[in-house]
Amino acid sequence: MEKIYDILKDINPDIDYKTRTDLIDAHLLDSLSIISLIAELEDVFDITVPAVDIIPENFNSVQAMYALVERLSEED
Protein backbone atom coordinates (compact mmCIF):
# COMPACT_ATOMS: atom_id res chain seq x y z
CA MET A 1 0.00 0.00 0.00
CA GLU A 2 2.98 2.32 0.52
CA LYS A 3 3.62 2.42 -3.22
CA ILE A 4 0.07 3.69 -3.75
CA TYR A 5 0.58 6.38 -1.09
CA ASP A 6 3.80 7.44 -2.81
CA ILE A 7 2.07 7.70 -6.20
CA LEU A 8 -0.76 9.76 -4.72
CA LYS A 9 1.62 12.05 -2.82
CA ASP A 10 3.39 12.80 -6.12
CA ILE A 11 0.04 13.73 -7.67
CA ASN A 12 -1.18 15.90 -4.78
CA PRO A 13 0.81 15.99 -1.53
CA ASP A 14 -1.77 18.14 0.32
CA ILE A 15 -4.39 15.39 0.75
CA ASP A 16 -4.52 13.08 3.78
CA TYR A 17 -4.80 9.82 1.86
CA LYS A 18 -4.72 7.67 5.00
CA THR A 19 -8.09 8.89 6.25
CA ARG A 20 -10.00 10.04 3.17
CA THR A 21 -12.56 7.68 1.67
CA ASP A 22 -14.08 10.18 -0.74
CA LEU A 23 -11.20 11.12 -3.04
CA ILE A 24 -13.39 11.05 -6.14
CA ASP A 25 -16.74 11.96 -4.57
CA ALA A 26 -15.23 15.05 -2.90
CA HIS A 27 -13.45 16.02 -6.14
CA LEU A 28 -10.04 15.81 -4.46
CA LEU A 29 -8.73 14.01 -7.54
CA ASP A 30 -9.67 15.49 -10.91
CA SER A 31 -9.84 13.62 -14.21
CA LEU A 32 -6.24 14.40 -15.13
CA SER A 33 -5.06 13.16 -11.72
CA ILE A 34 -7.04 9.96 -12.18
CA ILE A 35 -5.51 9.32 -15.60
CA SER A 36 -2.06 9.91 -14.11
CA LEU A 37 -2.86 7.65 -11.19
CA ILE A 38 -4.07 4.81 -13.40
CA ALA A 39 -0.98 5.06 -15.61
CA GLU A 40 1.29 4.93 -12.56
CA LEU A 41 -0.59 2.00 -11.01
CA GLU A 42 -0.32 0.10 -14.28
CA ASP A 43 3.43 0.79 -14.53
CA VAL A 44 4.35 0.13 -10.91
CA PHE A 45 2.21 -2.98 -10.41
CA ASP A 46 2.43 -4.32 -13.98
CA ILE A 47 -1.35 -4.48 -14.38
CA THR A 48 -3.92 -3.19 -16.85
CA VAL A 49 -6.93 -1.34 -15.45
CA PRO A 50 -9.89 -2.10 -17.74
CA ALA A 51 -12.30 0.73 -18.52
CA VAL A 52 -15.10 -1.06 -16.62
CA ASP A 53 -13.03 -0.76 -13.42
CA ILE A 54 -12.56 3.00 -13.72
CA ILE A 55 -15.38 3.84 -11.34
CA PRO A 56 -15.41 6.01 -8.19
CA GLU A 57 -15.77 3.00 -5.88
CA ASN A 58 -12.33 1.75 -6.97
CA PHE A 59 -10.58 5.10 -6.47
CA ASN A 60 -12.30 6.78 -3.50
CA SER A 61 -9.69 5.50 -1.03
CA VAL A 62 -6.26 3.96 -0.92
CA GLN A 63 -7.84 0.79 0.47
CA ALA A 64 -10.13 0.54 -2.57
CA MET A 65 -7.20 1.11 -4.93
CA TYR A 66 -5.18 -1.54 -3.13
CA ALA A 67 -8.06 -4.03 -3.44
CA LEU A 68 -8.31 -3.23 -7.16
CA VAL A 69 -4.57 -3.74 -7.67
CA GLU A 70 -4.66 -7.02 -5.73
CA ARG A 71 -7.60 -8.30 -7.79
CA LEU A 72 -6.07 -7.31 -11.10
CA SER A 73 -2.71 -8.80 -10.12
CA GLU A 74 -4.36 -12.13 -9.35
CA GLU A 75 -6.20 -12.14 -12.69
CA ASP A 76 -2.96 -11.95 -14.70
C-alpha atoms as a PDB file:
ATOM      1  CA  MET A   1       0.000   0.000   0.000  1.00  0.00           C
ATOM      2  CA  GLU A   2       2.980   2.319   0.522  1.00  0.00           C
ATOM      3  CA  LYS A   3       3.617   2.422  -3.215  1.00  0.00           C
ATOM      4  CA  ILE A   4       0.071   3.693  -3.752  1.00  0.00           C
ATOM      5  CA  TYR A   5       0.579   6.383  -1.090  1.00  0.00           C
ATOM      6  CA  ASP A   6       3.798   7.440  -2.809  1.00  0.00           C
ATOM      7  CA  ILE A   7       2.067   7.698  -6.200  1.00  0.00           C
ATOM      8  CA  LEU A   8      -0.760   9.759  -4.716  1.00  0.00           C
ATOM      9  CA  LYS A   9       1.625  12.052  -2.824  1.00  0.00           C
ATOM     10  CA  ASP A  10       3.386  12.797  -6.121  1.00  0.00           C
ATOM     11  CA  ILE A  11       0.037  13.734  -7.667  1.00  0.00           C
ATOM     12  CA  ASN A  12      -1.179  15.903  -4.775  1.00  0.00           C
ATOM     13  CA  PRO A  13       0.814  15.995  -1.525  1.00  0.00           C
ATOM     14  CA  ASP A  14      -1.767  18.139   0.317  1.00  0.00           C
ATOM     15  CA  ILE A  15      -4.394  15.394   0.754  1.00  0.00           C
ATOM     16  CA  ASP A  16      -4.519  13.076   3.781  1.00  0.00           C
ATOM     17  CA  TYR A  17      -4.797   9.818   1.861  1.00  0.00           C
ATOM     18  CA  LYS A  18      -4.716   7.671   4.998  1.00  0.00           C
ATOM     19  CA  THR A  19      -8.087   8.893   6.249  1.00  0.00           C
ATOM     20  CA  ARG A  20     -10.004  10.037   3.168  1.00  0.00           C
ATOM     21  CA  THR A  21     -12.563   7.677   1.667  1.00  0.00           C
ATOM     22  CA  ASP A  22     -14.080  10.184  -0.742  1.00  0.00           C
ATOM     23  CA  LEU A  23     -11.197  11.117  -3.035  1.00  0.00           C
ATOM     24  CA  ILE A  24     -13.390  11.047  -6.141  1.00  0.00           C
ATOM     25  CA  ASP A  25     -16.738  11.960  -4.571  1.00  0.00           C
ATOM     26  CA  ALA A  26     -15.232  15.054  -2.896  1.00  0.00           C
ATOM     27  CA  HIS A  27     -13.447  16.017  -6.142  1.00  0.00           C
ATOM     28  CA  LEU A  28     -10.038  15.814  -4.465  1.00  0.00           C
ATOM     29  CA  LEU A  29      -8.727  14.007  -7.545  1.00  0.00           C
ATOM     30  CA  ASP A  30      -9.672  15.491 -10.907  1.00  0.00           C
ATOM     31  CA  SER A  31      -9.842  13.620 -14.207  1.00  0.00           C
ATOM     32  CA  LEU A  32      -6.238  14.399 -15.128  1.00  0.00           C
ATOM     33  CA  SER A  33      -5.064  13.160 -11.723  1.00  0.00           C
ATOM     34  CA  ILE A  34      -7.044   9.957 -12.177  1.00  0.00           C
ATOM     35  CA  ILE A  35      -5.513   9.322 -15.598  1.00  0.00           C
ATOM     36  CA  SER A  36      -2.058   9.913 -14.115  1.00  0.00           C
ATOM     37  CA  LEU A  37      -2.859   7.652 -11.187  1.00  0.00           C
ATOM     38  CA  ILE A  38      -4.070   4.811 -13.405  1.00  0.00           C
ATOM     39  CA  ALA A  39      -0.976   5.062 -15.610  1.00  0.00           C
ATOM     40  CA  GLU A  40       1.294   4.934 -12.559  1.00  0.00           C
ATOM     41  CA  LEU A  41      -0.589   2.002 -11.011  1.00  0.00           C
ATOM     42  CA  GLU A  42      -0.316   0.104 -14.283  1.00  0.00           C
ATOM     43  CA  ASP A  43       3.432   0.787 -14.527  1.00  0.00           C
ATOM     44  CA  VAL A  44       4.350   0.134 -10.910  1.00  0.00           C
ATOM     45  CA  PHE A  45       2.211  -2.979 -10.412  1.00  0.00           C
ATOM     46  CA  ASP A  46       2.427  -4.316 -13.983  1.00  0.00           C
ATOM     47  CA  ILE A  47      -1.352  -4.477 -14.382  1.00  0.00           C
ATOM     48  CA  THR A  48      -3.922  -3.192 -16.846  1.00  0.00           C
ATOM     49  CA  VAL A  49      -6.925  -1.342 -15.453  1.00  0.00           C
ATOM     50  CA  PRO A  50      -9.887  -2.101 -17.737  1.00  0.00           C
ATOM     51  CA  ALA A  51     -12.305   0.733 -18.515  1.00  0.00           C
ATOM     52  CA  VAL A  52     -15.099  -1.064 -16.621  1.00  0.00           C
ATOM     53  CA  ASP A  53     -13.030  -0.762 -13.418  1.00  0.00           C
ATOM     54  CA  ILE A  54     -12.557   2.998 -13.719  1.00  0.00           C
ATOM     55  CA  ILE A  55     -15.379   3.844 -11.338  1.00  0.00           C
ATOM     56  CA  PRO A  56     -15.412   6.007  -8.195  1.00  0.00           C
ATOM     57  CA  GLU A  57     -15.766   2.999  -5.882  1.00  0.00           C
ATOM     58  CA  ASN A  58     -12.329   1.752  -6.972  1.00  0.00           C
ATOM     59  CA  PHE A  59     -10.581   5.098  -6.473  1.00  0.00           C
ATOM     60  CA  ASN A  60     -12.302   6.783  -3.503  1.00  0.00           C
ATOM     61  CA  SER A  61      -9.693   5.498  -1.027  1.00  0.00           C
ATOM     62  CA  VAL A  62      -6.260   3.958  -0.918  1.00  0.00           C
ATOM     63  CA  GLN A  63      -7.835   0.793   0.466  1.00  0.00           C
ATOM     64  CA  ALA A  64     -10.130   0.535  -2.566  1.00  0.00           C
ATOM     65  CA  MET A  65      -7.203   1.110  -4.934  1.00  0.00           C
ATOM     66  CA  TYR A  66      -5.183  -1.540  -3.126  1.00  0.00           C
ATOM     67  CA  ALA A  67      -8.062  -4.030  -3.436  1.00  0.00           C
ATOM     68  CA  LEU A  68      -8.309  -3.233  -7.159  1.00  0.00           C
ATOM     69  CA  VAL A  69      -4.566  -3.738  -7.667  1.00  0.00           C
ATOM     70  CA  GLU A  70      -4.661  -7.019  -5.734  1.00  0.00           C
ATOM     71  CA  ARG A  71      -7.596  -8.304  -7.785  1.00  0.00           C
ATOM     72  CA  LEU A  72      -6.072  -7.309 -11.104  1.00  0.00           C
ATOM     73  CA  SER A  73      -2.705  -8.800 -10.116  1.00  0.00           C
ATOM     74  CA  GLU A  74      -4.363 -12.131  -9.347  1.00  0.00           C
ATOM     75  CA  GLU A  75      -6.196 -12.136 -12.694  1.00  0.00           C
ATOM     76  CA  ASP A  76      -2.963 -11.947 -14.696  1.00  0.00           C
END
